[in-house]
Every structure is written in structure tokens, then in C-alpha cells.
Amino acid sequence: MTHLKNEVYSKVFAHRGFHLNYPENTLESFICAVEQNFAIEVDIRFLKCGTIVCFHDMYMKRLLSVPGLISNRNFNEIKNYKILGTKCKVPKLKDVLSMVNGRVTVLIEIKGIMNKAYQSELESIISNYQCKVFFHTTNIITYFKAKKVWGENVFFVLNPFRKRFEFVKGKHYQNIISVPTIDDVIVEAEDSTKTVIRKIWITFNKLNTRVKSDHWLLNYKGKKNQIQHRGIVDKNLKEHSREAFEKCIKLDKVIEFDVTKYGGNIVCYHSDTVATRMGQKKSISDKLDLKNSLLFEDVLSIIDGRVPIIIDIKDFNIFDRSLQDNIMNRLKNYKGEFVIQSFNPLVNMYFLKKYEHVVRGQVGHSLNGVKKMHKVILTIVNFCLFYRGRPDYIVYDLDPNVYLLSKFNNILGLPVIGYTAVNENDIIAYSSFFDNFIVEGEFELQEK
């Protein structure tokens, strides 16, 4: 038994699963941990119906946005709830153990007081799982009850004299997931200049994208150039209008749209005032008046998950992130695929901290509208702030000033999307610098 205890202390446990890309204590987070050969730590709760689920909190509010004790619910009541606005759901313990299937060590934290029904169900589940399982708890009553059943495999968390387990938590992810193997950071003699730059940059900035070549941002159903800027697929339809969105859905196009605050609501609208000063061109379509703009929740209802969406957050605030929280509250029950992006690096930094599972993009500008010191500003914005939010992809407008920046991000391994292409000539001229394009109108991307 001492051998087993020493073995568990030698393991590195993914605390509540490896939840960099998925919420904590979800089947997806545990799969991610197992795939990276981490042992897993699982929190469990006993439901009213006798089911044991993987869930940390006593109350459901933080993770499920529903008030009340989780122990007062039946599994059928919560099985369709989405965790933190994602597609992930609350898993049963037995399903998690079935997925693990002995591949890694499992440490179960027993939450709450373990009554007879709780203990009986847990014993039944563990008896059908023949591989290594350990337990720990902060409840002294539960500790002694569990110890009678599983003996030395049970640990009391608050015991000040015992050894501590080694956990990987959220704060460690930026140091782990970005550098999964030693080959990613060791510079070798045969490495090209680009490879050396990328390894050095990844080592110091710990960037790692979730947008791979098969992601719908880069390749939607086998095609590029399927992202419609503000829903514009027909210049005769106004940008950000219901008609524009409905036509995009009919043509099966990815929709990019802007959201901002107006009159206490979140509306779908983009102001050209600042963009024009920065040298950006207006879209090929007219726009709705701000006061007649669609509400964000109405846009979600119109699209209803039928095509993926890119939500471009127009937030000029430095300290107030309430817009982002309100957006996520509206997305918690949304069934479709989405990513967020913003010109404001503080938005991405906030998502990294609070909603790290959401794929995020950093929008850049060539700043060719700035007549003086634009090179200095460009350098500061693009290099000092852009990567603080650890974006999964970068967006630049089609301007000669971004050539080197696009190449630099490609070296780093970050996909770069260009905007906004309005004809095939735009695609041809910039195709060697961008992985995909946000477009206005309907036309196919030309092959290089």
C-alpha cells in the first residue's frame, strides 16, 4: 500500500481535468488530460436521483447560470445544461471512468457529506472500475467513512502533515500547452531562420493556436473564402440586416458581425467614424441606422446555429468588461459554433482570464490613416499588446503595411485572416499573405 501512496505522489494531476480549451470537470477536459498523459483529479457530487456527477461547486450558478443546490436536482433536470456557455455538459462519474479505462491514475475528490446512498453508489461504480483510483476530501466525516472502504487510498486534504499532490491548474496552462515537447523549444543547427524565430517566440510568449488548418475559420466545408463581412453577400442588402443574415444562411456562409453597446442593449452595428480615420474603406453596402439596429439576442435567434459566426466586439473601454460578460450570458444557451474577436487587446486578455475556452482573434489595423508616427504606433500596438491575450488567430486589413506582420505571424504559427476582400483581384493580390479572407459579396478564392 505504501508503494501505491508513493506512486500517487509521483503523478502530475490535471486539476478538474485539463481545461484550457474546455470547462472544468467536463468529459472533454478529462479526454484532453488523458491524451497528454496527465493523471486526472475529479470532483464529484451526489444528486437527488442517486447519480454521481463530476461537478465542483455546491451551487449551480457559476457554471450553469442556474440558481440552487446541485444536490437538489435530478440528472434528467441538468443533463442538457451547458457549462459556461459551451457545448459541454455535466458528465456522470461512471462515464468519465469508462473513458479513462485505466490509462491514467484517477484522484476523486468527494464533495459533501457521504451518506449511505452516496457511499453505496460510489462503491458500486468503483467496483466496476478495476484500475487505480485514489480519493481525497475536505470533509472529516466523509474522510473516515471513505477510509473504512478504501483504506490507505483515501487522503484528508486538510491534514497539514501529509505530502501534497502535484496539480496542473489554469495558471500553469500557458507554460505547458504551448510547449508540449522539448523539440518545440530547442534550437538545432539544421533549423531554418523561420524555425528559430518561431521557437524563440513560442518559448517567451507561449502562444498556441486552436485554429488549425481544418478549422471552419480557415476551411469551411472544404472551401476557403466563406466568411461574409457583416453578413454582406449582396450589396443590395444592408449590412447587419436580417435580410443579409438570412441570405448568408441560405447560401451556407460563415457570418462575421459587430456588436457594441447602445442604450443599455447590445446591438449589431459598426460605426465608420474611427475606422475611416484609420484608413479603412467603407463596406459595399449601406448600413441600418443605429437606433434601428438588430439586438444581439435577435441576431442569435435569426442564425440559430445554422452557420458558424464570428462576433467582433467593439469595446473601447479600458476597465469595464461588462459588455463581454453580457455577451457570454446571451451565448450560454446558444447551440451554434462561434468565436470572438476584437481590436481591443484588453478584450482578449479578459477572455483569456475568464472565458479561456472561447477561441479568440486579435484584430489589427495597418493604421495607414495616421500621418505621423504611424510606424511607432503600429509597432507598439502589434507587438506589445496584441499577444497579451494569447489570440488563436490574427486579423489584418488588406494594406501593404501588414505584409511583414502577416508573414511574422505565419512564422509564429498563428493563422492570419485578411479583410475585407470585395473582388477576386483582392484575393489574388494578397493570397500569399493570408490564410483566409473575410469578404463582401460572393466569389470563390483563387488557388495560388
Protein backbone atom coordinates (compact mmCIF):
# COMPACT_ATOMS: atom_id res chain seq x y z
CA MET A 1 0.00 0.00 0.00
CA THR A 2 2.93 2.33 0.73
CA HIS A 3 4.07 1.70 -2.81
CA LEU A 4 0.69 2.89 -4.08
CA LYS A 5 0.85 6.05 -1.98
CA ASN A 6 4.32 6.87 -3.25
CA GLU A 7 3.10 6.29 -6.76
CA VAL A 8 0.22 8.75 -6.44
CA TYR A 9 2.57 11.41 -5.10
CA SER A 10 4.76 10.99 -8.16
CA LYS A 11 1.92 11.79 -10.54
CA VAL A 12 1.05 15.16 -12.04
CA PHE A 13 -2.74 15.61 -11.88
CA ALA A 14 -4.76 17.79 -14.21
CA HIS A 15 -6.88 19.59 -11.64
CA ARG A 16 -10.58 19.23 -12.62
CA GLY A 17 -9.30 17.96 -15.97
CA PHE A 18 -7.15 19.85 -18.42
CA HIS A 19 -9.48 22.77 -19.01
CA LEU A 20 -7.54 25.10 -21.27
CA ASN A 21 -9.95 24.64 -24.18
CA TYR A 22 -12.91 23.19 -22.29
CA PRO A 23 -14.62 23.95 -18.98
CA GLU A 24 -13.55 22.21 -15.78
CA ASN A 25 -14.81 18.74 -14.84
CA THR A 26 -16.18 18.03 -18.30
CA LEU A 27 -15.68 14.85 -20.28
CA GLU A 28 -13.83 16.92 -22.88
CA SER A 29 -11.37 18.32 -20.31
CA PHE A 30 -10.65 14.82 -19.00
CA ILE A 31 -10.11 13.48 -22.51
CA CYS A 32 -7.64 16.31 -23.13
CA ALA A 33 -5.75 15.42 -19.94
CA VAL A 34 -5.58 11.72 -20.78
CA GLU A 35 -4.37 12.47 -24.30
CA GLN A 36 -1.48 14.45 -22.78
CA ASN A 37 -0.79 11.64 -20.29
CA PHE A 38 -1.76 13.60 -17.18
CA ALA A 39 -3.38 11.86 -14.25
CA ILE A 40 -6.75 13.46 -13.53
CA GLU A 41 -8.41 14.91 -10.44
CA VAL A 42 -12.20 14.75 -10.48
CA ASP A 43 -14.73 16.49 -8.22
CA ILE A 44 -17.93 14.57 -7.60
CA ARG A 45 -21.39 15.46 -6.29
CA PHE A 46 -24.34 13.23 -5.38
CA LEU A 47 -27.67 14.16 -6.98
CA LYS A 48 -31.17 13.74 -5.61
CA CYS A 49 -31.83 10.86 -8.02
CA GLY A 50 -28.78 8.90 -6.80
CA THR A 51 -26.50 9.76 -9.72
CA ILE A 52 -22.89 10.79 -9.09
CA VAL A 53 -21.72 13.54 -11.42
CA CYS A 54 -18.46 15.40 -11.95
CA PHE A 55 -19.08 18.88 -10.59
CA HIS A 56 -17.12 21.10 -8.23
CA ASP A 57 -19.47 23.72 -6.80
CA MET A 58 -22.25 23.22 -4.28
CA TYR A 59 -24.36 25.70 -6.21
CA MET A 60 -25.04 25.69 -9.96
CA LYS A 61 -24.90 29.45 -10.59
CA ARG A 62 -21.23 29.88 -11.57
CA LEU A 63 -21.01 27.02 -14.03
CA LEU A 64 -24.57 26.53 -15.25
CA SER A 65 -26.06 30.03 -14.71
CA VAL A 66 -28.94 28.41 -12.85
CA PRO A 67 -29.66 29.11 -9.16
CA GLY A 68 -29.89 26.43 -6.48
CA LEU A 69 -28.06 23.49 -4.98
CA ILE A 70 -27.00 20.85 -7.47
CA SER A 71 -27.67 18.14 -4.86
CA ASN A 72 -31.38 19.03 -5.03
CA ARG A 73 -31.59 18.22 -8.74
CA ASN A 74 -32.09 15.03 -10.70
CA PHE A 75 -29.76 14.19 -13.56
CA ASN A 76 -32.57 14.49 -16.11
CA GLU A 77 -33.01 18.11 -14.99
CA ILE A 78 -29.38 19.12 -15.54
CA LYS A 79 -28.19 16.80 -18.30
CA ASN A 80 -28.88 19.35 -21.05
CA TYR A 81 -27.48 22.39 -19.24
CA LYS A 82 -24.46 23.93 -20.98
CA ILE A 83 -21.38 24.64 -18.85
CA LEU A 84 -20.11 28.23 -19.10
CA GLY A 85 -21.94 28.79 -22.36
CA THR A 86 -20.16 25.97 -24.21
CA LYS A 87 -21.48 22.76 -25.73
CA CYS A 88 -20.07 20.78 -22.79
CA LYS A 89 -22.46 19.16 -20.30
CA VAL A 90 -22.20 17.76 -16.78
CA PRO A 91 -20.82 14.20 -17.06
CA LYS A 92 -21.54 11.17 -14.91
CA LEU A 93 -18.57 9.77 -12.96
CA LYS A 94 -19.06 6.32 -14.45
CA ASP A 95 -18.82 7.74 -17.98
CA VAL A 96 -15.57 9.53 -17.14
CA LEU A 97 -14.05 6.36 -15.68
CA SER A 98 -15.22 4.39 -18.71
CA MET A 99 -13.42 6.88 -20.96
CA VAL A 100 -10.22 6.75 -18.88
CA ASN A 101 -10.27 2.94 -18.92
CA GLY A 102 -7.17 2.67 -16.74
CA ARG A 103 -4.90 4.73 -18.98
CA VAL A 104 -4.04 7.21 -16.22
CA THR A 105 -4.38 7.44 -12.44
CA VAL A 106 -7.62 8.96 -11.14
CA LEU A 107 -7.93 11.04 -7.96
CA ILE A 108 -11.54 11.63 -6.87
CA GLU A 109 -12.43 14.49 -4.56
CA ILE A 110 -15.60 13.54 -2.72
CA LYS A 111 -17.65 16.68 -2.24
CA GLY A 112 -20.18 16.95 0.59
CA ILE A 113 -21.08 14.52 3.35
CA MET A 114 -21.14 10.95 2.09
CA ASN A 115 -24.38 9.38 3.34
CA LYS A 116 -25.28 5.70 2.89
CA ALA A 117 -26.86 6.16 -0.54
CA TYR A 118 -23.89 8.24 -1.75
CA GLN A 119 -21.41 5.67 -0.43
CA SER A 120 -23.31 2.74 -1.89
CA GLU A 121 -23.44 4.27 -5.37
CA LEU A 122 -19.77 5.24 -5.27
CA GLU A 123 -18.77 1.75 -4.16
CA SER A 124 -20.80 0.28 -7.00
CA ILE A 125 -19.13 2.50 -9.59
CA ILE A 126 -15.61 1.86 -8.27
CA SER A 127 -16.18 -1.90 -8.02
CA ASN A 128 -16.78 -1.95 -11.78
CA TYR A 129 -13.58 0.00 -12.41
CA GLN A 130 -10.59 -2.24 -11.85
CA CYS A 131 -7.80 0.32 -12.24
CA LYS A 132 -6.09 2.69 -9.81
CA VAL A 133 -8.32 5.18 -8.03
CA PHE A 134 -7.49 7.42 -5.07
CA PHE A 135 -9.74 9.67 -3.01
CA HIS A 136 -9.42 12.90 -1.07
CA THR A 137 -11.85 15.17 0.72
CA THR A 138 -12.07 18.22 2.96
CA ASN A 139 -14.96 16.78 4.95
CA ILE A 140 -13.74 14.92 8.04
CA ILE A 141 -16.90 12.75 8.30
CA THR A 142 -16.63 11.73 4.65
CA TYR A 143 -12.91 11.05 5.14
CA PHE A 144 -13.44 8.46 7.88
CA LYS A 145 -16.33 6.81 6.03
CA ALA A 146 -14.29 6.53 2.82
CA LYS A 147 -11.23 5.31 4.72
CA LYS A 148 -13.20 2.33 6.05
CA VAL A 149 -13.89 1.28 2.46
CA TRP A 150 -10.74 2.24 0.53
CA GLY A 151 -8.18 2.41 3.32
CA GLU A 152 -4.82 3.99 2.53
CA ASN A 153 -6.07 5.21 -0.83
CA VAL A 154 -8.01 7.95 0.95
CA PHE A 155 -6.42 11.30 1.89
CA PHE A 156 -7.64 14.16 4.05
CA VAL A 157 -6.96 17.42 2.21
CA LEU A 158 -6.61 19.49 5.38
CA ASN A 159 -4.04 17.20 7.01
CA PRO A 160 -1.04 19.55 7.44
CA PHE A 161 1.48 16.71 7.80
CA ARG A 162 0.86 14.74 4.63
CA LYS A 163 2.59 15.20 1.29
CA ARG A 164 0.92 17.45 -1.25
CA PHE A 165 -0.24 16.29 -4.65
CA GLU A 166 1.21 17.95 -7.70
CA PHE A 167 -1.56 19.66 -9.63
CA VAL A 168 -1.68 21.36 -13.01
CA LYS A 169 -4.17 24.22 -12.78
CA GLY A 170 -5.32 27.07 -15.00
CA LYS A 171 -2.42 29.31 -14.06
CA HIS A 172 0.04 26.70 -15.34
CA TYR A 173 -1.52 26.14 -18.76
CA GLN A 174 0.32 28.91 -20.54
CA ASN A 175 3.58 27.23 -19.55
CA ILE A 176 2.54 23.73 -20.56
CA ILE A 177 0.20 23.51 -23.51
CA SER A 178 2.26 25.91 -25.62
CA VAL A 179 5.45 23.87 -25.22
CA PRO A 180 4.33 20.25 -25.29
CA THR A 181 7.67 18.73 -26.30
CA ILE A 182 11.31 19.64 -25.96
CA ASP A 183 11.62 19.72 -29.76
CA ASP A 184 9.37 22.76 -29.83
CA VAL A 185 11.87 24.94 -27.97
CA ILE A 186 15.35 23.52 -28.56
CA VAL A 187 17.09 25.24 -31.45
CA GLU A 188 19.16 22.87 -33.57
CA ALA A 189 21.84 23.52 -36.15
CA GLU A 190 19.70 22.41 -39.09
CA ASP A 191 16.78 24.66 -38.16
CA SER A 192 15.90 27.35 -40.67
CA THR A 193 15.80 31.01 -39.68
CA LYS A 194 11.99 30.91 -39.60
CA THR A 195 12.03 27.85 -37.34
CA VAL A 196 14.49 29.50 -34.95
CA ILE A 197 12.34 32.66 -34.75
CA ARG A 198 9.23 30.62 -34.10
CA LYS A 199 10.82 28.52 -31.36
CA ILE A 200 12.22 31.57 -29.59
CA TRP A 201 8.91 33.43 -29.81
CA ILE A 202 6.85 30.48 -28.57
CA THR A 203 9.25 29.94 -25.68
CA PHE A 204 8.93 33.51 -24.43
CA ASN A 205 5.33 34.28 -25.38
CA LYS A 206 3.81 30.81 -25.06
CA LEU A 207 1.42 31.19 -27.97
CA ASN A 208 -0.50 28.20 -29.17
CA THR A 209 -3.41 28.34 -31.58
CA ARG A 210 -6.52 26.19 -31.57
CA VAL A 211 -7.29 27.27 -35.13
CA LYS A 212 -5.71 24.55 -37.24
CA SER A 213 -5.96 24.06 -40.99
CA ASP A 214 -9.25 22.15 -40.70
CA HIS A 215 -10.98 24.75 -38.51
CA TRP A 216 -14.02 26.38 -40.10
CA LEU A 217 -12.32 29.79 -39.86
CA LEU A 218 -9.83 28.61 -42.47
CA ASN A 219 -11.71 25.89 -44.28
CA TYR A 220 -15.49 25.80 -44.13
CA LYS A 221 -16.84 22.56 -45.60
CA GLY A 222 -13.84 22.17 -47.87
CA LYS A 223 -13.78 25.79 -49.07
CA LYS A 224 -12.00 28.99 -48.19
CA ASN A 225 -13.37 32.49 -48.59
CA GLN A 226 -16.71 31.67 -46.96
CA ILE A 227 -16.74 34.40 -44.28
CA GLN A 228 -19.12 37.25 -45.01
CA HIS A 229 -18.18 40.64 -43.56
CA ARG A 230 -21.17 41.99 -41.59
CA GLY A 231 -23.31 39.44 -43.40
CA ILE A 232 -22.77 41.16 -46.73
CA VAL A 233 -23.24 38.66 -49.51
CA ASP A 234 -25.29 41.03 -51.64
CA LYS A 235 -24.53 44.77 -51.85
CA ASN A 236 -28.22 45.49 -52.30
CA LEU A 237 -28.90 44.27 -48.75
CA LYS A 238 -27.89 46.47 -45.83
CA GLU A 239 -25.03 45.32 -43.62
CA HIS A 240 -26.02 43.74 -40.30
CA SER A 241 -29.60 43.38 -41.51
CA ARG A 242 -31.95 40.46 -41.04
CA GLU A 243 -32.20 40.04 -44.82
CA ALA A 244 -28.40 39.90 -45.18
CA PHE A 245 -28.06 37.30 -42.44
CA GLU A 246 -30.87 35.18 -43.83
CA LYS A 247 -29.29 35.16 -47.27
CA CYS A 248 -25.93 34.12 -45.78
CA ILE A 249 -27.67 31.24 -44.04
CA LYS A 250 -29.40 30.23 -47.27
CA LEU A 251 -26.03 30.22 -49.09
CA ASP A 252 -24.36 28.44 -46.14
CA LYS A 253 -21.78 31.15 -45.43
CA VAL A 254 -19.94 31.95 -42.19
CA ILE A 255 -21.14 35.27 -40.79
CA GLU A 256 -18.93 37.94 -39.20
CA PHE A 257 -20.75 40.74 -37.41
CA ASP A 258 -20.01 43.56 -34.98
CA VAL A 259 -21.57 44.13 -31.57
CA THR A 260 -21.47 47.19 -29.35
CA LYS A 261 -23.41 48.88 -26.54
CA TYR A 262 -26.26 51.23 -27.30
CA GLY A 263 -28.99 52.46 -24.98
CA GLY A 264 -28.32 49.76 -22.41
CA ASN A 265 -28.56 47.00 -25.03
CA ILE A 266 -26.11 45.00 -27.11
CA VAL A 267 -26.72 45.85 -30.74
CA CYS A 268 -25.30 44.63 -34.03
CA TYR A 269 -23.68 47.74 -35.50
CA HIS A 270 -20.38 49.21 -36.70
CA SER A 271 -19.53 52.90 -36.76
CA ASP A 272 -17.34 54.02 -39.65
CA THR A 273 -16.09 57.14 -37.85
CA VAL A 274 -12.97 55.69 -36.23
CA ALA A 275 -12.37 53.12 -38.97
CA THR A 276 -12.33 55.83 -41.65
CA ARG A 277 -9.74 57.81 -39.72
CA MET A 278 -7.59 54.69 -39.59
CA GLY A 279 -7.71 54.41 -43.36
CA GLN A 280 -10.28 51.65 -43.70
CA LYS A 281 -12.75 51.64 -46.53
CA LYS A 282 -16.49 51.61 -46.01
CA SER A 283 -18.36 48.44 -46.86
CA ILE A 284 -20.05 48.00 -50.23
CA SER A 285 -23.49 48.03 -48.56
CA ASP A 286 -25.47 50.71 -46.80
CA LYS A 287 -26.00 50.36 -43.06
CA LEU A 288 -29.04 50.39 -40.82
CA ASP A 289 -29.48 53.37 -38.53
CA LEU A 290 -28.04 52.74 -35.09
CA LYS A 291 -31.43 53.14 -33.46
CA ASN A 292 -32.89 50.51 -35.81
CA SER A 293 -30.05 48.03 -35.39
CA LEU A 294 -30.79 44.43 -34.50
CA LEU A 295 -30.33 43.35 -30.91
CA PHE A 296 -27.60 40.78 -30.34
CA GLU A 297 -30.07 38.23 -28.99
CA ASP A 298 -32.23 38.71 -32.10
CA VAL A 299 -29.24 38.03 -34.34
CA LEU A 300 -28.53 34.82 -32.42
CA SER A 301 -32.16 33.83 -32.84
CA ILE A 302 -32.05 34.51 -36.60
CA ILE A 303 -28.86 32.50 -37.17
CA ASP A 304 -29.81 29.82 -34.62
CA GLY A 305 -26.61 27.82 -35.05
CA ARG A 306 -27.19 27.11 -38.73
CA VAL A 307 -23.82 28.58 -39.73
CA PRO A 308 -20.74 29.46 -37.65
CA ILE A 309 -20.39 33.07 -36.52
CA ILE A 310 -17.56 35.49 -35.72
CA ILE A 311 -18.54 38.05 -33.10
CA ASP A 312 -16.43 41.19 -33.45
CA ILE A 313 -16.62 43.09 -30.16
CA LYS A 314 -16.39 46.86 -30.50
CA ASP A 315 -15.46 47.90 -26.97
CA PHE A 316 -13.32 50.98 -26.37
CA ASN A 317 -13.42 50.67 -22.57
CA ILE A 318 -10.21 50.15 -20.64
CA PHE A 319 -11.53 48.84 -17.34
CA ASP A 320 -15.20 47.97 -17.89
CA ARG A 321 -15.66 44.45 -19.27
CA SER A 322 -19.40 44.22 -18.64
CA LEU A 323 -20.08 44.04 -22.38
CA GLN A 324 -18.13 40.79 -22.61
CA ASP A 325 -19.95 39.28 -19.65
CA ASN A 326 -23.31 40.25 -21.12
CA ILE A 327 -22.32 38.71 -24.46
CA MET A 328 -21.36 35.44 -22.78
CA ASN A 329 -24.59 35.39 -20.77
CA ARG A 330 -26.52 35.54 -24.03
CA LEU A 331 -24.36 32.83 -25.56
CA LYS A 332 -24.72 30.34 -22.71
CA ASN A 333 -27.64 28.57 -24.38
CA TYR A 334 -26.53 29.17 -27.97
CA LYS A 335 -26.15 25.89 -29.84
CA GLY A 336 -24.02 27.03 -32.78
CA GLU A 337 -20.29 27.41 -33.32
CA PHE A 338 -18.77 30.81 -32.60
CA VAL A 339 -15.52 32.66 -31.98
CA ILE A 340 -14.92 36.18 -30.73
CA GLN A 341 -12.51 38.82 -31.94
CA SER A 342 -11.76 42.42 -31.11
CA PHE A 343 -9.46 45.30 -31.99
CA ASN A 344 -9.04 45.91 -28.24
CA PRO A 345 -6.32 43.64 -26.77
CA LEU A 346 -7.89 44.09 -23.33
CA VAL A 347 -10.95 42.18 -24.55
CA ASN A 348 -8.83 39.17 -25.47
CA MET A 349 -6.90 39.43 -22.22
CA TYR A 350 -10.19 39.32 -20.35
CA PHE A 351 -11.41 36.27 -22.30
CA LEU A 352 -8.09 34.56 -21.61
CA LYS A 353 -8.64 35.09 -17.89
CA LYS A 354 -12.36 34.38 -17.53
CA TYR A 355 -13.53 32.53 -20.66
CA GLU A 356 -10.35 30.80 -21.79
CA HIS A 357 -12.27 28.05 -23.60
CA VAL A 358 -13.55 30.56 -26.18
CA VAL A 359 -11.49 30.81 -29.37
CA ARG A 360 -10.40 34.43 -29.80
CA GLY A 361 -8.91 36.57 -32.54
CA GLN A 362 -6.97 39.82 -32.39
CA VAL A 363 -7.95 42.39 -35.00
CA GLY A 364 -5.14 44.60 -36.26
CA HIS A 365 -5.01 47.68 -38.43
CA SER A 366 -2.45 48.98 -40.88
CA LEU A 367 -3.01 52.45 -39.42
CA ASN A 368 -2.28 53.96 -42.83
CA GLY A 369 -4.66 56.77 -41.93
CA VAL A 370 -2.27 58.02 -39.26
CA LYS A 371 0.05 60.52 -40.95
CA LYS A 372 2.68 60.90 -38.23
CA MET A 373 4.44 58.30 -36.13
CA HIS A 374 2.30 55.54 -37.60
CA LYS A 375 5.25 53.14 -37.70
CA VAL A 376 5.89 53.60 -33.99
CA ILE A 377 2.20 53.18 -33.15
CA LEU A 378 1.98 50.13 -35.41
CA THR A 379 4.94 48.52 -33.65
CA ILE A 380 3.61 49.22 -30.16
CA VAL A 381 0.10 48.02 -30.89
CA ASN A 382 1.04 44.91 -32.84
CA PHE A 383 3.95 43.67 -30.77
CA CYS A 384 3.48 44.95 -27.22
CA LEU A 385 -0.25 44.40 -26.78
CA PHE A 386 -1.59 42.03 -29.44
CA TYR A 387 -0.18 38.85 -27.96
CA ARG A 388 -1.03 39.52 -24.32
CA GLY A 389 -4.45 37.95 -24.80
CA ARG A 390 -2.84 34.89 -26.47
CA PRO A 391 -5.04 35.04 -29.57
CA ASP A 392 -5.74 31.95 -31.67
CA TYR A 393 -5.63 33.96 -34.89
CA ILE A 394 -4.86 37.48 -36.16
CA VAL A 395 -6.95 39.66 -38.48
CA TYR A 396 -5.40 42.43 -40.62
CA ASP A 397 -6.91 44.64 -43.28
CA LEU A 398 -5.68 44.47 -46.86
CA ASP A 399 -2.93 47.05 -46.83
CA PRO A 400 0.75 46.92 -47.83
CA ASN A 401 1.79 47.88 -44.30
CA VAL A 402 0.78 44.45 -42.98
CA TYR A 403 2.84 42.32 -45.35
CA LEU A 404 5.67 41.72 -42.89
CA LEU A 405 3.31 41.43 -39.94
CA SER A 406 1.32 38.74 -41.72
CA LYS A 407 4.49 36.84 -42.51
CA PHE A 408 5.70 37.20 -38.95
CA ASN A 409 2.50 35.70 -37.55
CA ASN A 410 2.70 32.85 -40.04
CA ILE A 411 6.19 32.10 -38.75
CA LEU A 412 4.81 32.02 -35.23
CA GLY A 413 2.19 29.53 -36.33
CA LEU A 414 -0.74 31.91 -35.90
CA PRO A 415 -3.25 31.94 -38.77
CA VAL A 416 -3.82 35.36 -40.33
CA ILE A 417 -7.13 36.36 -41.90
CA GLY A 418 -7.39 39.31 -44.26
CA TYR A 419 -10.31 41.72 -44.51
CA THR A 420 -12.13 42.92 -46.44
CA ALA A 421 -11.89 41.47 -49.96
CA VAL A 422 -14.57 42.75 -52.34
CA ASN A 423 -13.49 41.03 -55.56
CA GLU A 424 -11.21 38.34 -56.95
CA ASN A 425 -8.37 40.81 -57.53
CA ASP A 426 -8.14 41.45 -53.80
CA ILE A 427 -7.85 37.72 -53.20
CA ILE A 428 -5.17 37.26 -55.85
CA ALA A 429 -3.10 40.25 -54.71
CA TYR A 430 -2.97 39.17 -51.07
CA SER A 431 -3.31 35.39 -51.26
CA SER A 432 0.34 34.77 -50.35
CA PHE A 433 0.00 36.68 -47.08
CA PHE A 434 -3.28 35.42 -45.61
CA ASP A 435 -4.67 32.03 -44.68
CA ASN A 436 -8.21 33.10 -45.46
CA PHE A 437 -10.28 36.20 -46.20
CA ILE A 438 -13.35 37.92 -44.83
CA VAL A 439 -15.23 39.03 -47.91
CA GLU A 440 -18.07 41.20 -49.13
CA GLY A 441 -20.05 39.70 -51.96
CA GLU A 442 -19.96 36.15 -53.28
CA PHE A 443 -16.97 34.75 -55.17
CA GLU A 444 -14.56 31.85 -54.85
CA LEU A 445 -10.97 32.03 -53.60
CA GLN A 446 -8.46 31.53 -56.38
CA GLU A 447 -5.79 28.89 -55.85
CA LYS A 448 -2.18 30.06 -55.66
